[in-house]
Amino acid sequence: MASQSGRAGLSTRHLNFIALGSAIGTGLFYGSAGAIQAAGPSVLLVYLLGGAVVYFLLRALGEMSVRHPVRGSFAEYTRAYLGGAAGYLTGWMFAFEMVIVALADLTAIGIYMGFWFPDVSRWVWIVAALLIVGAANVASAKAFGELEFWFTVVKVGAVVAMILAGAAVLIFGLSTAETTGPVNLVNDGGFFPNGFTGMVASFILVLFAFGGTEIIGVAGSEATDPKTAVPKAVNTVPVRILLFYVLSILVILMINPWRTITGDESPFVQIFSTLGVNWAAGLLNFVVITAALSAINADLFGAGRVLTGLAKQNLAPRVMARTVRDVPVMTTVILMLVMVIGVIANTLMPERIFSVIASLATFATIFVWLMILLAHLASRRSLTAEEVAALDYKTPLFPYGQYFAVFFILFTFGIMVWLPEFRGAFFVGLAFSVLCVAMYYLTGRHKLPEEPVGVVQETPAQRVD
């Protein structure tokens, strides 16, 4: 088996920033307002709970990736541990998730560019964004990693600046709001102003904001040293979630009473406005465009690698298996063509397209997370006590942390059925799942011989039987 070094181009630096960048996107910069309105200050608990789910998810993915690095990542794991149909469904659901999230972000770019160029049609910016990220993905894994690195630098800089500005407001009393400080967390209806139902209603928006963190499992297969790079990247995610999500939302809530965060402007804009920084809107607009480009870049990368892995197992059209310098060029081009749907959709229903796509992405995201967690639980059952003890990278609190994450996801599915605005997305996602499983059997793919999992670096002890 050929060594991965010399083939893949993602360094530990790239992987660290991909892990960080995937957790900071438009869901934080704009979507946080809706979550705050639903839950009030108790949204902080939801971000902590969602962060815990992401932590156990990524540790599970990291454990499997270190023990058994593969091309195609978690789609391969679900096939190996849960069966062919599960692997087929997971791979296609992840590709579905990546495509629709990318479509949402393409729509966002068209809207945000209108801030500076209101007379230019949206499709111009959507096409330009596709060409930028498409070129990076077709070039090489390293080109993708470099672009994602610099996109993330901009996003992280914006969040850090907001936190520092917020700290200055609180310390020096620069706010124009009537009240500031910890008192804002309890003085308007208490910590749970909308009750328990208000808090759980924010689950969907919070988990959508965390969507894409699993991309590290795909990017890890492109690392020059996955056994070192993947654990390092995964281990930094919890601290970064606490810093960039929980701390930033805490600062926002202590400066602006939660009812004043209406969503008419980003909560981040309100922080800068408090300081009298008149160019805050333009600055944030640039940051959010960067965040959207970063998300599309990562989505195209993830979907391309997973679909190519499926194609090599005869679970997707064989044309998608073709690579150039180990880059899935054909799959990337096909995905870019599919994303032209975004141009058409933005023309036909510009006002509704973002909310429709975002709700579908929520279902796909947590479904993929559920399959990863179930695959990890199944992988542990296949190991002896001695093999578990010999694992180089273990998931902590096993199996209770995994059970917590699985329960949280199932509970969130229940919330989607309960809330009318997400009910349609739930049943569309369910229909897509049924269609995928039906296609797996109707096309005779269940009769194909079970090929070995596509290994990147493999030793006999790592082999999945």
Protein backbone atom coordinates (compact mmCIF):
# COMPACT_ATOMS: atom_id res chain seq x y z
CA MET A 1 0.00 0.00 0.00
CA ALA A 2 1.44 3.36 -0.98
CA SER A 3 2.32 5.73 1.76
CA GLN A 4 0.24 8.79 2.10
CA SER A 5 3.14 11.14 2.50
CA GLY A 6 3.94 12.74 -0.78
CA ARG A 7 0.39 12.14 -1.94
CA ALA A 8 -1.67 14.33 0.33
CA GLY A 9 -0.98 17.97 0.87
CA LEU A 10 -2.71 18.97 4.13
CA SER A 11 -0.37 19.83 7.00
CA THR A 12 -1.29 19.90 10.69
CA ARG A 13 -1.65 23.68 10.33
CA HIS A 14 -4.20 23.20 7.54
CA LEU A 15 -6.16 20.58 9.46
CA ASN A 16 -6.26 22.69 12.64
CA PHE A 17 -7.71 25.64 10.75
CA ILE A 18 -10.14 23.46 8.79
CA ALA A 19 -11.43 22.15 12.13
CA LEU A 20 -11.70 25.70 13.45
CA GLY A 21 -13.11 27.21 10.27
CA SER A 22 -15.84 24.57 10.00
CA ALA A 23 -17.13 25.68 13.43
CA ILE A 24 -17.31 29.38 12.56
CA GLY A 25 -19.68 30.40 9.80
CA THR A 26 -22.79 32.32 8.92
CA GLY A 27 -24.65 30.36 11.62
CA LEU A 28 -22.64 32.27 14.22
CA PHE A 29 -22.45 35.67 12.53
CA TYR A 30 -26.15 35.90 11.63
CA GLY A 31 -27.99 32.79 12.81
CA SER A 32 -27.19 33.40 16.47
CA ALA A 33 -29.81 36.18 16.60
CA GLY A 34 -32.64 33.73 15.93
CA ALA A 35 -31.35 31.32 18.58
CA ILE A 36 -31.14 34.16 21.14
CA GLN A 37 -34.69 35.28 20.36
CA ALA A 38 -35.99 31.73 20.84
CA ALA A 39 -34.20 30.90 24.08
CA GLY A 40 -33.08 34.19 25.62
CA PRO A 41 -29.97 33.90 27.84
CA SER A 42 -30.53 30.13 28.20
CA VAL A 43 -29.19 29.81 24.65
CA LEU A 44 -25.79 29.64 26.36
CA LEU A 45 -26.76 26.23 27.77
CA VAL A 46 -27.82 25.07 24.32
CA TYR A 47 -24.46 26.08 22.85
CA LEU A 48 -22.73 24.16 25.64
CA LEU A 49 -24.90 21.08 25.05
CA GLY A 50 -24.40 21.32 21.28
CA GLY A 51 -20.67 21.73 21.83
CA ALA A 52 -20.64 18.57 23.96
CA VAL A 53 -22.39 16.64 21.18
CA VAL A 54 -19.83 17.90 18.66
CA TYR A 55 -17.01 16.93 21.01
CA PHE A 56 -18.14 13.31 21.42
CA LEU A 57 -18.89 13.13 17.69
CA LEU A 58 -15.42 14.31 16.69
CA ARG A 59 -13.66 12.16 19.29
CA ALA A 60 -15.50 9.13 17.89
CA LEU A 61 -14.53 10.11 14.36
CA GLY A 62 -10.97 10.76 15.49
CA GLU A 63 -10.71 7.37 17.17
CA MET A 64 -11.86 5.57 14.02
CA SER A 65 -9.65 7.74 11.79
CA VAL A 66 -6.51 7.08 13.83
CA ARG A 67 -7.18 3.36 14.16
CA HIS A 68 -8.12 2.96 10.53
CA PRO A 69 -7.39 5.90 8.16
CA VAL A 70 -9.42 5.58 4.97
CA ARG A 71 -10.33 7.50 1.84
CA GLY A 72 -13.98 8.44 2.04
CA SER A 73 -13.83 8.61 5.82
CA PHE A 74 -17.05 8.09 7.76
CA ALA A 75 -19.05 6.82 4.77
CA GLU A 76 -16.54 3.95 4.72
CA TYR A 77 -16.89 3.42 8.47
CA THR A 78 -20.68 3.20 8.37
CA ARG A 79 -20.42 0.72 5.48
CA ALA A 80 -17.87 -1.39 7.37
CA TYR A 81 -19.65 -1.40 10.73
CA LEU A 82 -23.35 -0.86 9.94
CA GLY A 83 -23.67 -2.52 6.53
CA GLY A 84 -23.67 -1.58 2.86
CA ALA A 85 -27.00 0.24 2.87
CA ALA A 86 -25.95 2.39 5.83
CA GLY A 87 -22.67 3.33 4.13
CA TYR A 88 -24.48 4.16 0.89
CA LEU A 89 -27.06 6.29 2.71
CA THR A 90 -24.47 8.10 4.86
CA GLY A 91 -22.27 8.98 1.90
CA TRP A 92 -25.13 10.34 -0.16
CA MET A 93 -26.70 12.14 2.81
CA PHE A 94 -23.38 13.86 3.55
CA ALA A 95 -23.05 14.90 -0.09
CA PHE A 96 -26.65 16.15 0.07
CA GLU A 97 -25.80 18.10 3.23
CA MET A 98 -22.69 19.66 1.70
CA VAL A 99 -24.46 20.66 -1.52
CA ILE A 100 -27.48 22.27 0.12
CA VAL A 101 -25.35 24.07 2.71
CA ALA A 102 -23.18 25.36 -0.14
CA LEU A 103 -26.33 26.51 -1.94
CA ALA A 104 -27.40 28.38 1.20
CA ASP A 105 -24.03 30.08 1.44
CA LEU A 106 -24.02 30.90 -2.27
CA THR A 107 -27.37 32.57 -1.72
CA ALA A 108 -25.92 34.46 1.25
CA ILE A 109 -23.01 35.72 -0.87
CA GLY A 110 -25.43 37.06 -3.48
CA ILE A 111 -27.37 38.88 -0.75
CA TYR A 112 -24.30 40.26 1.02
CA MET A 113 -22.64 41.55 -2.15
CA GLY A 114 -25.83 43.51 -2.74
CA PHE A 115 -24.82 45.62 0.27
CA TRP A 116 -22.07 47.19 -1.87
CA PHE A 117 -23.43 46.57 -5.38
CA PRO A 118 -27.23 46.70 -5.16
CA ASP A 119 -27.68 47.02 -8.92
CA VAL A 120 -25.67 43.90 -9.83
CA SER A 121 -27.61 40.63 -10.22
CA ARG A 122 -26.99 37.96 -7.59
CA TRP A 123 -26.01 35.31 -10.11
CA VAL A 124 -22.85 37.26 -11.01
CA TRP A 125 -21.47 36.87 -7.47
CA ILE A 126 -22.65 33.27 -7.20
CA VAL A 127 -20.79 32.31 -10.37
CA ALA A 128 -17.67 34.19 -9.20
CA ALA A 129 -17.75 32.36 -5.84
CA LEU A 130 -18.11 28.98 -7.57
CA LEU A 131 -15.13 29.70 -9.82
CA ILE A 132 -12.92 30.68 -6.86
CA VAL A 133 -13.61 27.64 -4.69
CA GLY A 134 -13.84 25.30 -7.67
CA ALA A 135 -10.37 26.30 -8.84
CA ALA A 136 -8.93 25.71 -5.36
CA ASN A 137 -10.54 22.27 -5.07
CA VAL A 138 -9.52 21.14 -8.55
CA ALA A 139 -5.92 22.31 -8.09
CA SER A 140 -4.90 20.15 -5.11
CA ALA A 141 -5.67 19.33 -1.50
CA LYS A 142 -2.92 21.76 -0.48
CA ALA A 143 -4.51 24.60 -2.49
CA PHE A 144 -7.81 23.90 -0.75
CA GLY A 145 -6.06 23.91 2.63
CA GLU A 146 -4.28 27.21 1.99
CA LEU A 147 -7.48 28.95 0.87
CA GLU A 148 -9.35 27.61 3.90
CA PHE A 149 -6.49 28.70 6.18
CA TRP A 150 -6.69 32.34 5.09
CA PHE A 151 -10.48 32.38 5.09
CA THR A 152 -10.38 31.16 8.69
CA VAL A 153 -7.80 33.78 9.70
CA VAL A 154 -10.30 36.48 8.66
CA LYS A 155 -13.20 34.84 10.53
CA VAL A 156 -11.22 34.24 13.70
CA GLY A 157 -9.89 37.79 13.62
CA ALA A 158 -13.43 39.15 13.46
CA VAL A 159 -14.63 37.07 16.43
CA VAL A 160 -11.57 37.97 18.52
CA ALA A 161 -12.06 41.66 17.67
CA MET A 162 -15.70 41.43 18.73
CA ILE A 163 -14.78 39.78 22.05
CA LEU A 164 -12.09 42.38 22.78
CA ALA A 165 -14.44 45.22 21.81
CA GLY A 166 -17.12 43.73 24.04
CA ALA A 167 -14.69 43.45 26.94
CA ALA A 168 -13.80 47.14 26.46
CA VAL A 169 -17.49 48.06 26.52
CA LEU A 170 -18.05 46.16 29.77
CA ILE A 171 -14.87 47.29 31.53
CA PHE A 172 -14.95 50.97 30.57
CA GLY A 173 -18.71 51.46 30.47
CA LEU A 174 -18.83 52.49 26.82
CA SER A 175 -22.25 51.00 26.08
CA THR A 176 -25.27 53.11 25.19
CA ALA A 177 -27.60 50.34 26.43
CA GLU A 178 -29.59 50.92 29.63
CA THR A 179 -27.97 47.97 31.41
CA THR A 180 -24.80 45.97 30.89
CA GLY A 181 -23.03 43.12 32.64
CA PRO A 182 -24.16 39.78 34.10
CA VAL A 183 -27.45 41.35 35.24
CA ASN A 184 -28.64 41.22 31.61
CA LEU A 185 -28.69 37.43 31.86
CA VAL A 186 -31.47 37.41 34.47
CA ASN A 187 -33.24 40.80 34.63
CA ASP A 188 -35.71 40.33 31.76
CA GLY A 189 -37.76 37.25 32.47
CA GLY A 190 -34.92 35.39 34.13
CA PHE A 191 -32.38 33.04 32.57
CA PHE A 192 -35.22 31.06 30.91
CA PRO A 193 -37.53 33.86 29.76
CA ASN A 194 -39.35 31.67 27.24
CA GLY A 195 -39.33 28.57 29.42
CA PHE A 196 -38.09 25.11 28.55
CA THR A 197 -39.91 25.10 25.22
CA GLY A 198 -38.16 28.29 24.17
CA MET A 199 -34.79 26.78 24.98
CA VAL A 200 -35.38 23.56 23.04
CA ALA A 201 -36.73 25.56 20.10
CA SER A 202 -33.23 26.98 19.65
CA PHE A 203 -31.68 23.49 19.31
CA ILE A 204 -32.21 23.45 15.54
CA LEU A 205 -30.47 26.77 14.92
CA VAL A 206 -27.58 25.96 17.24
CA LEU A 207 -26.91 22.53 15.72
CA PHE A 208 -27.16 24.02 12.24
CA ALA A 209 -24.46 26.50 13.27
CA PHE A 210 -22.21 23.59 14.32
CA GLY A 211 -22.88 21.73 11.07
CA GLY A 212 -19.80 20.98 8.99
CA THR A 213 -17.48 20.18 11.90
CA GLU A 214 -17.44 16.57 10.69
CA ILE A 215 -15.49 17.74 7.62
CA ILE A 216 -12.36 17.10 9.67
CA GLY A 217 -12.98 13.38 9.18
CA VAL A 218 -12.78 13.83 5.42
CA ALA A 219 -9.89 16.28 5.50
CA GLY A 220 -8.00 13.96 7.84
CA SER A 221 -7.62 11.40 5.06
CA GLU A 222 -5.71 14.04 3.09
CA ALA A 223 -3.29 14.83 5.93
CA THR A 224 0.39 13.99 5.54
CA ASP A 225 0.32 12.34 8.99
CA PRO A 226 -3.28 11.55 9.97
CA LYS A 227 -2.34 9.71 13.17
CA THR A 228 -0.82 12.91 14.55
CA ALA A 229 -2.78 15.64 12.77
CA VAL A 230 -6.33 14.32 13.39
CA PRO A 231 -6.04 14.01 17.22
CA LYS A 232 -4.41 17.44 17.48
CA ALA A 233 -7.16 19.05 15.42
CA VAL A 234 -9.99 17.25 17.24
CA ASN A 235 -8.58 18.01 20.70
CA THR A 236 -8.60 21.76 20.05
CA VAL A 237 -12.23 21.91 18.92
CA PRO A 238 -13.93 21.98 22.38
CA VAL A 239 -11.83 24.92 23.61
CA ARG A 240 -12.42 26.76 20.36
CA ILE A 241 -16.16 26.19 20.53
CA LEU A 242 -16.20 27.55 24.09
CA LEU A 243 -14.14 30.56 23.04
CA PHE A 244 -15.71 31.46 19.70
CA TYR A 245 -19.32 30.49 20.37
CA VAL A 246 -20.08 30.53 24.08
CA LEU A 247 -17.80 33.45 25.02
CA SER A 248 -18.84 35.60 22.08
CA ILE A 249 -22.57 35.02 22.74
CA LEU A 250 -22.00 35.69 26.46
CA VAL A 251 -20.36 39.03 25.66
CA ILE A 252 -23.21 39.96 23.30
CA LEU A 253 -25.87 39.09 25.92
CA MET A 254 -24.12 41.04 28.68
CA ILE A 255 -23.91 44.19 26.53
CA ASN A 256 -27.27 44.10 24.75
CA PRO A 257 -30.41 42.88 26.58
CA TRP A 258 -31.58 39.79 24.74
CA ARG A 259 -34.85 41.35 23.54
CA THR A 260 -32.90 44.06 21.68
CA ILE A 261 -31.22 41.40 19.52
CA THR A 262 -33.96 41.28 16.92
CA GLY A 263 -32.06 39.94 13.93
CA ASP A 264 -32.52 43.15 11.95
CA GLU A 265 -28.75 43.36 12.09
CA SER A 266 -26.13 40.89 13.22
CA PRO A 267 -25.44 40.75 16.96
CA PHE A 268 -21.81 41.34 16.01
CA VAL A 269 -22.74 44.61 14.28
CA GLN A 270 -24.52 45.73 17.45
CA ILE A 271 -21.32 45.28 19.44
CA PHE A 272 -19.31 47.49 17.07
CA SER A 273 -22.17 49.99 16.84
CA THR A 274 -22.04 50.33 20.62
CA LEU A 275 -18.49 51.61 20.21
CA GLY A 276 -19.63 54.06 17.55
CA VAL A 277 -17.71 52.27 14.79
CA ASN A 278 -19.70 53.43 11.79
CA TRP A 279 -17.93 51.17 9.33
CA ALA A 280 -18.91 48.06 11.33
CA ALA A 281 -21.60 47.02 8.86
CA GLY A 282 -19.16 47.08 5.96
CA LEU A 283 -16.52 45.22 7.96
CA LEU A 284 -18.96 42.54 9.03
CA ASN A 285 -20.25 42.21 5.50
CA PHE A 286 -16.72 41.40 4.34
CA VAL A 287 -16.28 38.88 7.16
CA VAL A 288 -19.56 37.09 6.45
CA ILE A 289 -18.77 36.87 2.74
CA THR A 290 -15.43 35.33 3.72
CA ALA A 291 -17.23 32.91 6.07
CA ALA A 292 -19.61 31.89 3.29
CA LEU A 293 -16.75 31.35 0.81
CA SER A 294 -14.96 29.29 3.46
CA ALA A 295 -18.04 27.12 3.98
CA ILE A 296 -18.52 26.53 0.25
CA ASN A 297 -14.83 25.70 -0.10
CA ALA A 298 -15.03 23.08 2.67
CA ASP A 299 -18.40 21.73 1.48
CA LEU A 300 -17.14 21.16 -2.05
CA PHE A 301 -14.03 19.46 -0.70
CA GLY A 302 -15.99 17.16 1.62
CA ALA A 303 -18.68 16.17 -0.87
CA GLY A 304 -16.10 15.53 -3.58
CA ARG A 305 -14.00 13.19 -1.44
CA VAL A 306 -16.96 11.22 -0.08
CA LEU A 307 -18.65 10.76 -3.47
CA THR A 308 -15.36 9.69 -5.06
CA GLY A 309 -14.94 7.14 -2.28
CA LEU A 310 -18.44 5.82 -2.99
CA ALA A 311 -17.73 5.67 -6.72
CA LYS A 312 -14.62 3.57 -6.12
CA GLN A 313 -16.86 1.11 -4.26
CA ASN A 314 -19.38 1.12 -7.18
CA LEU A 315 -21.85 3.01 -4.99
CA ALA A 316 -21.89 6.10 -7.20
CA PRO A 317 -21.48 6.65 -10.97
CA ARG A 318 -18.05 5.36 -12.00
CA VAL A 319 -17.17 8.67 -13.66
CA MET A 320 -16.88 10.13 -10.16
CA ALA A 321 -14.06 7.72 -9.35
CA ARG A 322 -11.70 9.42 -11.80
CA THR A 323 -8.95 11.48 -10.21
CA VAL A 324 -6.09 13.62 -11.46
CA ARG A 325 -3.04 13.76 -9.16
CA ASP A 326 -5.30 12.15 -6.53
CA VAL A 327 -7.76 15.06 -6.82
CA PRO A 328 -11.41 14.12 -7.61
CA VAL A 329 -11.62 16.51 -10.54
CA MET A 330 -14.64 14.91 -12.22
CA THR A 331 -16.69 14.82 -9.03
CA THR A 332 -15.81 18.44 -8.23
CA VAL A 333 -16.85 19.59 -11.71
CA ILE A 334 -20.13 17.65 -11.46
CA LEU A 335 -20.85 19.20 -8.05
CA MET A 336 -20.17 22.68 -9.41
CA LEU A 337 -22.64 22.05 -12.21
CA VAL A 338 -25.23 20.88 -9.68
CA MET A 339 -24.68 24.08 -7.71
CA VAL A 340 -25.77 26.06 -10.74
CA ILE A 341 -29.17 25.18 -9.29
CA GLY A 342 -28.38 27.91 -6.81
CA VAL A 343 -28.27 30.46 -9.60
CA ILE A 344 -31.65 29.33 -10.92
CA ALA A 345 -33.25 29.08 -7.48
CA ASN A 346 -32.11 32.58 -6.53
CA THR A 347 -33.78 33.87 -9.68
CA LEU A 348 -37.07 32.02 -9.12
CA MET A 349 -37.59 32.58 -5.36
CA PRO A 350 -34.93 34.95 -3.97
CA GLU A 351 -36.79 35.71 -0.74
CA ARG A 352 -37.40 32.11 0.42
CA ILE A 353 -34.48 30.11 -0.88
CA PHE A 354 -32.14 30.61 2.11
CA SER A 355 -34.62 29.51 4.81
CA VAL A 356 -35.79 26.52 2.76
CA ILE A 357 -32.26 25.27 2.16
CA ALA A 358 -31.11 25.90 5.73
CA SER A 359 -33.90 23.80 7.22
CA LEU A 360 -33.05 20.89 4.90
CA ALA A 361 -29.39 21.19 5.88
CA THR A 362 -30.29 20.81 9.55
CA PHE A 363 -31.85 17.39 8.97
CA ALA A 364 -28.94 16.17 6.84
CA THR A 365 -26.34 17.42 9.32
CA ILE A 366 -27.66 15.70 12.41
CA PHE A 367 -28.52 12.54 10.44
CA VAL A 368 -24.87 12.22 9.37
CA TRP A 369 -23.77 12.83 12.97
CA LEU A 370 -26.10 10.06 14.16
CA MET A 371 -24.67 7.58 11.66
CA ILE A 372 -21.09 8.40 12.68
CA LEU A 373 -21.93 7.84 16.35
CA LEU A 374 -23.72 4.55 15.64
CA ALA A 375 -20.77 3.37 13.51
CA HIS A 376 -18.40 4.15 16.37
CA LEU A 377 -20.53 2.22 18.86
CA ALA A 378 -20.58 -0.72 16.44
CA SER A 379 -16.82 -0.51 15.90
CA ARG A 380 -16.19 -0.78 19.64
CA ARG A 381 -18.39 -3.89 19.86
CA SER A 382 -16.12 -5.55 17.28
CA LEU A 383 -13.02 -5.09 19.47
CA THR A 384 -11.77 -7.24 22.29
CA ALA A 385 -10.89 -5.70 25.66
CA GLU A 386 -7.20 -6.01 24.76
CA GLU A 387 -7.73 -4.19 21.45
CA VAL A 388 -9.63 -1.40 23.19
CA ALA A 389 -6.82 -1.02 25.73
CA ALA A 390 -4.29 -0.81 22.88
CA LEU A 391 -6.09 2.05 21.08
CA ASP A 392 -3.78 5.02 20.55
CA TYR A 393 -6.64 7.54 20.66
CA LYS A 394 -9.74 6.78 22.72
CA THR A 395 -13.08 8.49 23.08
CA PRO A 396 -13.54 9.58 26.72
CA LEU A 397 -16.53 8.61 28.86
CA PHE A 398 -17.36 5.73 26.53
CA PRO A 399 -20.14 4.69 26.06
CA TYR A 400 -22.05 7.28 28.10
CA GLY A 401 -20.86 10.27 26.10
CA GLN A 402 -21.95 8.54 22.89
CA TYR A 403 -25.36 7.68 24.33
CA PHE A 404 -25.80 11.32 25.40
CA ALA A 405 -24.98 12.56 21.90
CA VAL A 406 -27.29 10.00 20.24
CA PHE A 407 -30.15 10.91 22.59
CA PHE A 408 -29.62 14.63 21.94
CA ILE A 409 -29.80 14.09 18.17
CA LEU A 410 -32.93 11.93 18.40
CA PHE A 411 -34.51 14.57 20.65
CA THR A 412 -33.67 17.20 18.04
CA PHE A 413 -35.42 15.15 15.36
CA GLY A 414 -38.44 15.16 17.64
CA ILE A 415 -38.24 18.95 17.88
CA MET A 416 -38.20 19.16 14.06
CA VAL A 417 -41.45 17.20 13.94
CA TRP A 418 -42.92 19.38 16.71
CA LEU A 419 -42.04 22.78 15.17
CA PRO A 420 -44.11 23.57 12.05
CA GLU A 421 -41.31 25.56 10.38
CA PHE A 422 -39.03 22.49 10.41
CA ARG A 423 -41.61 19.74 9.93
CA GLY A 424 -41.50 19.94 6.14
CA ALA A 425 -37.70 19.68 6.11
CA PHE A 426 -37.87 16.62 8.36
CA PHE A 427 -40.21 14.75 6.02
CA VAL A 428 -38.24 15.79 2.92
CA GLY A 429 -35.08 14.46 4.58
CA LEU A 430 -36.89 11.28 5.55
CA ALA A 431 -38.11 10.83 1.98
CA PHE A 432 -34.55 11.34 0.68
CA SER A 433 -33.35 8.64 3.10
CA VAL A 434 -36.00 6.17 1.93
CA LEU A 435 -35.19 6.96 -1.71
CA CYS A 436 -31.46 6.34 -1.14
CA VAL A 437 -32.07 2.97 0.51
CA ALA A 438 -34.53 2.02 -2.24
CA MET A 439 -31.98 2.94 -4.94
CA TYR A 440 -29.33 0.87 -3.16
CA TYR A 441 -31.46 -2.24 -3.52
CA LEU A 442 -33.23 -1.46 -6.82
CA THR A 443 -29.93 -0.87 -8.63
CA GLY A 444 -28.56 -4.18 -7.36
CA ARG A 445 -25.74 -2.58 -5.37
CA HIS A 446 -26.57 -4.79 -2.39
CA LYS A 447 -25.43 -7.74 -4.52
CA LEU A 448 -21.99 -6.30 -5.17
CA PRO A 449 -19.14 -8.10 -3.40
CA GLU A 450 -18.02 -6.38 -0.24
CA GLU A 451 -14.69 -4.83 -1.17
CA PRO A 452 -12.14 -3.99 1.53
CA VAL A 453 -12.44 -0.52 2.97
CA GLY A 454 -10.31 1.97 1.02
CA VAL A 455 -7.31 2.23 3.29
CA VAL A 456 -4.88 5.14 3.29
CA GLN A 457 -2.40 3.73 5.78
CA GLU A 458 -3.07 0.30 7.12
CA THR A 459 -1.47 -2.21 9.40
CA PRO A 460 -2.91 -5.70 10.12
CA ALA A 461 -4.06 -4.47 13.53
CA GLN A 462 -6.04 -1.65 11.91
CA ARG A 463 -7.89 -3.74 9.36
CA VAL A 464 -11.68 -3.77 9.42
CA ASP A 465 -13.05 -7.23 8.74
